[in-house]
Amino acid sequence: MGEKTDRVERSIRNLITSGDLGPGGRLPSERALAQDLEAGRTTIRLVLMRLTTEGVIRSEHGRGYFVNSESGETE
């Protein structure tokens, strides 16, 4: 992917791995992530879909994105 997409993905993963968002923690809204990370919502959605596919986060319809208890992150 592109440089901006990679930067956004690293930033979101850092939120999770740094402990700011523990298991079950809710990610900020797409709009808030786009504003905070200075990226378009399409880029945010792409990264969120990738992290969902990897099992790092889960989507709950109408509620948002949440960190899985087994985030799949390895050190």
N, C-alpha and C. Protein backbone atom coordinates (compact mmCIF):
# COMPACT_ATOMS: atom_id res chain seq x y z
N MET A 1 0.83 -1.18 0.00
CA MET A 1 0.00 0.00 0.00
C MET A 1 0.88 1.25 0.00
N GLY A 2 0.23 2.36 0.08
CA GLY A 2 0.95 3.63 0.03
C GLY A 2 1.53 4.03 1.37
N GLU A 3 2.35 5.04 1.32
CA GLU A 3 3.02 5.54 2.53
C GLU A 3 2.02 6.01 3.58
N LYS A 4 0.99 6.73 3.14
CA LYS A 4 -0.01 7.25 4.09
C LYS A 4 -0.78 6.09 4.74
N THR A 5 -1.15 5.09 3.95
CA THR A 5 -1.86 3.93 4.48
C THR A 5 -1.00 3.20 5.50
N ASP A 6 0.27 3.03 5.19
CA ASP A 6 1.20 2.36 6.12
C ASP A 6 1.32 3.17 7.42
N ARG A 7 1.40 4.49 7.30
CA ARG A 7 1.51 5.35 8.48
C ARG A 7 0.27 5.24 9.35
N VAL A 8 -0.90 5.23 8.72
CA VAL A 8 -2.16 5.11 9.46
C VAL A 8 -2.23 3.77 10.15
N GLU A 9 -1.85 2.71 9.46
CA GLU A 9 -1.88 1.38 10.06
C GLU A 9 -0.93 1.30 11.26
N ARG A 10 0.27 1.83 11.12
CA ARG A 10 1.22 1.83 12.25
C ARG A 10 0.64 2.60 13.44
N SER A 11 0.00 3.72 13.18
CA SER A 11 -0.57 4.54 14.26
C SER A 11 -1.68 3.80 15.00
N ILE A 12 -2.55 3.14 14.26
CA ILE A 12 -3.65 2.41 14.90
C ILE A 12 -3.11 1.20 15.66
N ARG A 13 -2.16 0.49 15.06
CA ARG A 13 -1.56 -0.65 15.76
C ARG A 13 -0.87 -0.17 17.05
N ASN A 14 -0.23 1.00 16.99
CA ASN A 14 0.43 1.54 18.16
C ASN A 14 -0.56 1.84 19.28
N LEU A 15 -1.74 2.35 18.92
CA LEU A 15 -2.78 2.58 19.93
C LEU A 15 -3.09 1.29 20.69
N ILE A 16 -3.11 0.19 19.94
CA ILE A 16 -3.46 -1.10 20.53
C ILE A 16 -2.30 -1.67 21.34
N THR A 17 -1.10 -1.69 20.74
CA THR A 17 0.04 -2.33 21.41
C THR A 17 0.59 -1.51 22.56
N SER A 18 0.36 -0.20 22.55
CA SER A 18 0.89 0.65 23.61
C SER A 18 0.09 0.51 24.91
N GLY A 19 -1.07 -0.13 24.81
CA GLY A 19 -1.90 -0.27 26.00
C GLY A 19 -2.95 0.81 26.12
N ASP A 20 -2.92 1.82 25.23
CA ASP A 20 -3.95 2.86 25.27
C ASP A 20 -5.34 2.26 25.05
N LEU A 21 -5.40 1.21 24.24
CA LEU A 21 -6.65 0.49 24.00
C LEU A 21 -6.40 -0.98 24.31
N GLY A 22 -6.86 -1.42 25.46
CA GLY A 22 -6.69 -2.81 25.83
C GLY A 22 -7.75 -3.68 25.22
N PRO A 23 -7.74 -4.97 25.53
CA PRO A 23 -8.75 -5.88 25.02
C PRO A 23 -10.16 -5.36 25.31
N GLY A 24 -10.97 -5.34 24.28
CA GLY A 24 -12.33 -4.83 24.42
C GLY A 24 -12.45 -3.33 24.28
N GLY A 25 -11.32 -2.63 24.20
CA GLY A 25 -11.33 -1.18 24.08
C GLY A 25 -11.91 -0.74 22.74
N ARG A 26 -12.62 0.36 22.76
CA ARG A 26 -13.26 0.87 21.55
C ARG A 26 -12.34 1.87 20.86
N LEU A 27 -12.14 1.66 19.57
CA LEU A 27 -11.35 2.60 18.78
C LEU A 27 -12.15 3.87 18.56
N PRO A 28 -11.47 4.98 18.35
CA PRO A 28 -12.18 6.22 17.99
C PRO A 28 -12.96 6.01 16.70
N SER A 29 -13.92 6.85 16.45
CA SER A 29 -14.73 6.75 15.24
C SER A 29 -13.86 6.94 13.99
N GLU A 30 -14.37 6.49 12.85
CA GLU A 30 -13.66 6.69 11.60
C GLU A 30 -13.37 8.17 11.38
N ARG A 31 -14.35 9.00 11.65
CA ARG A 31 -14.19 10.44 11.45
C ARG A 31 -13.09 10.99 12.35
N ALA A 32 -13.07 10.58 13.62
CA ALA A 32 -12.05 11.06 14.55
C ALA A 32 -10.66 10.56 14.14
N LEU A 33 -10.58 9.29 13.73
CA LEU A 33 -9.29 8.75 13.28
C LEU A 33 -8.80 9.52 12.06
N ALA A 34 -9.70 9.78 11.12
CA ALA A 34 -9.32 10.51 9.91
C ALA A 34 -8.78 11.89 10.25
N GLN A 35 -9.44 12.56 11.17
CA GLN A 35 -9.00 13.90 11.56
C GLN A 35 -7.69 13.83 12.32
N ASP A 36 -7.60 12.94 13.30
CA ASP A 36 -6.38 12.84 14.12
C ASP A 36 -5.17 12.41 13.31
N LEU A 37 -5.38 11.50 12.35
CA LEU A 37 -4.27 10.94 11.59
C LEU A 37 -4.07 11.64 10.25
N GLU A 38 -4.86 12.69 10.01
CA GLU A 38 -4.76 13.46 8.77
C GLU A 38 -4.80 12.56 7.54
N ALA A 39 -5.86 11.75 7.48
CA ALA A 39 -6.04 10.81 6.37
C ALA A 39 -7.51 10.82 5.97
N GLY A 40 -7.77 10.38 4.76
CA GLY A 40 -9.15 10.28 4.30
C GLY A 40 -9.86 9.09 4.95
N ARG A 41 -11.17 9.18 4.98
CA ARG A 41 -11.94 8.08 5.59
C ARG A 41 -11.81 6.80 4.79
N THR A 42 -11.58 6.89 3.49
CA THR A 42 -11.36 5.69 2.69
C THR A 42 -10.11 4.96 3.16
N THR A 43 -9.06 5.70 3.44
CA THR A 43 -7.82 5.11 3.96
C THR A 43 -8.06 4.47 5.32
N ILE A 44 -8.80 5.17 6.18
CA ILE A 44 -9.11 4.64 7.51
C ILE A 44 -9.88 3.34 7.38
N ARG A 45 -10.89 3.33 6.52
CA ARG A 45 -11.71 2.11 6.34
C ARG A 45 -10.88 0.94 5.82
N LEU A 46 -9.96 1.22 4.88
CA LEU A 46 -9.10 0.18 4.35
C LEU A 46 -8.26 -0.45 5.45
N VAL A 47 -7.67 0.39 6.29
CA VAL A 47 -6.83 -0.11 7.39
C VAL A 47 -7.69 -0.88 8.40
N LEU A 48 -8.85 -0.36 8.73
CA LEU A 48 -9.73 -1.05 9.69
C LEU A 48 -10.17 -2.41 9.15
N MET A 49 -10.47 -2.48 7.84
CA MET A 49 -10.83 -3.77 7.25
C MET A 49 -9.67 -4.76 7.32
N ARG A 50 -8.47 -4.26 7.06
CA ARG A 50 -7.29 -5.13 7.13
C ARG A 50 -7.09 -5.67 8.54
N LEU A 51 -7.19 -4.79 9.54
CA LEU A 51 -7.01 -5.22 10.93
C LEU A 51 -8.13 -6.16 11.37
N THR A 52 -9.33 -5.97 10.84
CA THR A 52 -10.45 -6.87 11.14
C THR A 52 -10.17 -8.25 10.55
N THR A 53 -9.70 -8.27 9.31
CA THR A 53 -9.39 -9.54 8.64
C THR A 53 -8.30 -10.29 9.38
N GLU A 54 -7.35 -9.57 9.93
CA GLU A 54 -6.25 -10.20 10.69
C GLU A 54 -6.69 -10.63 12.08
N GLY A 55 -7.87 -10.20 12.51
CA GLY A 55 -8.36 -10.57 13.84
C GLY A 55 -7.86 -9.68 14.96
N VAL A 56 -7.24 -8.56 14.61
CA VAL A 56 -6.72 -7.64 15.62
C VAL A 56 -7.88 -6.88 16.27
N ILE A 57 -8.85 -6.48 15.44
CA ILE A 57 -10.03 -5.76 15.93
C ILE A 57 -11.28 -6.45 15.39
N ARG A 58 -12.42 -6.06 15.92
CA ARG A 58 -13.69 -6.56 15.41
C ARG A 58 -14.64 -5.38 15.25
N SER A 59 -15.54 -5.54 14.31
CA SER A 59 -16.54 -4.51 14.05
C SER A 59 -17.87 -4.96 14.65
N GLU A 60 -18.52 -4.06 15.35
CA GLU A 60 -19.86 -4.31 15.86
C GLU A 60 -20.78 -3.31 15.20
N HIS A 61 -21.69 -3.80 14.38
CA HIS A 61 -22.57 -2.94 13.59
C HIS A 61 -23.27 -1.92 14.47
N GLY A 62 -23.13 -0.67 14.09
CA GLY A 62 -23.77 0.42 14.81
C GLY A 62 -23.07 0.85 16.09
N ARG A 63 -22.01 0.15 16.46
CA ARG A 63 -21.29 0.47 17.69
C ARG A 63 -19.86 0.93 17.45
N GLY A 64 -19.21 0.37 16.45
CA GLY A 64 -17.84 0.77 16.16
C GLY A 64 -16.89 -0.41 16.09
N TYR A 65 -15.61 -0.11 16.25
CA TYR A 65 -14.54 -1.12 16.21
C TYR A 65 -13.95 -1.29 17.59
N PHE A 66 -13.68 -2.55 17.94
CA PHE A 66 -13.17 -2.89 19.26
C PHE A 66 -11.97 -3.80 19.14
N VAL A 67 -11.04 -3.67 20.08
CA VAL A 67 -9.85 -4.53 20.12
C VAL A 67 -10.28 -5.91 20.59
N ASN A 68 -9.84 -6.93 19.86
CA ASN A 68 -10.14 -8.30 20.28
C ASN A 68 -9.34 -8.66 21.51
N SER A 69 -9.89 -9.54 22.31
CA SER A 69 -9.18 -9.95 23.53
C SER A 69 -7.89 -10.69 23.16
N GLU A 70 -7.93 -11.40 22.06
CA GLU A 70 -6.72 -12.02 21.51
C GLU A 70 -6.41 -11.24 20.24
N SER A 71 -5.67 -10.17 20.40
CA SER A 71 -5.49 -9.23 19.28
C SER A 71 -4.68 -9.79 18.13
N GLY A 72 -4.00 -10.92 18.32
CA GLY A 72 -3.20 -11.47 17.25
C GLY A 72 -1.87 -10.77 17.08
N GLU A 73 -1.56 -9.82 17.92
CA GLU A 73 -0.29 -9.11 17.83
C GLU A 73 0.82 -9.99 18.40
N THR A 74 1.93 -10.00 17.71
CA THR A 74 3.08 -10.74 18.21
C THR A 74 4.22 -9.77 18.41
N GLU A 75 5.08 -10.12 19.32
CA GLU A 75 6.21 -9.25 19.61
C GLU A 75 7.44 -9.73 18.89
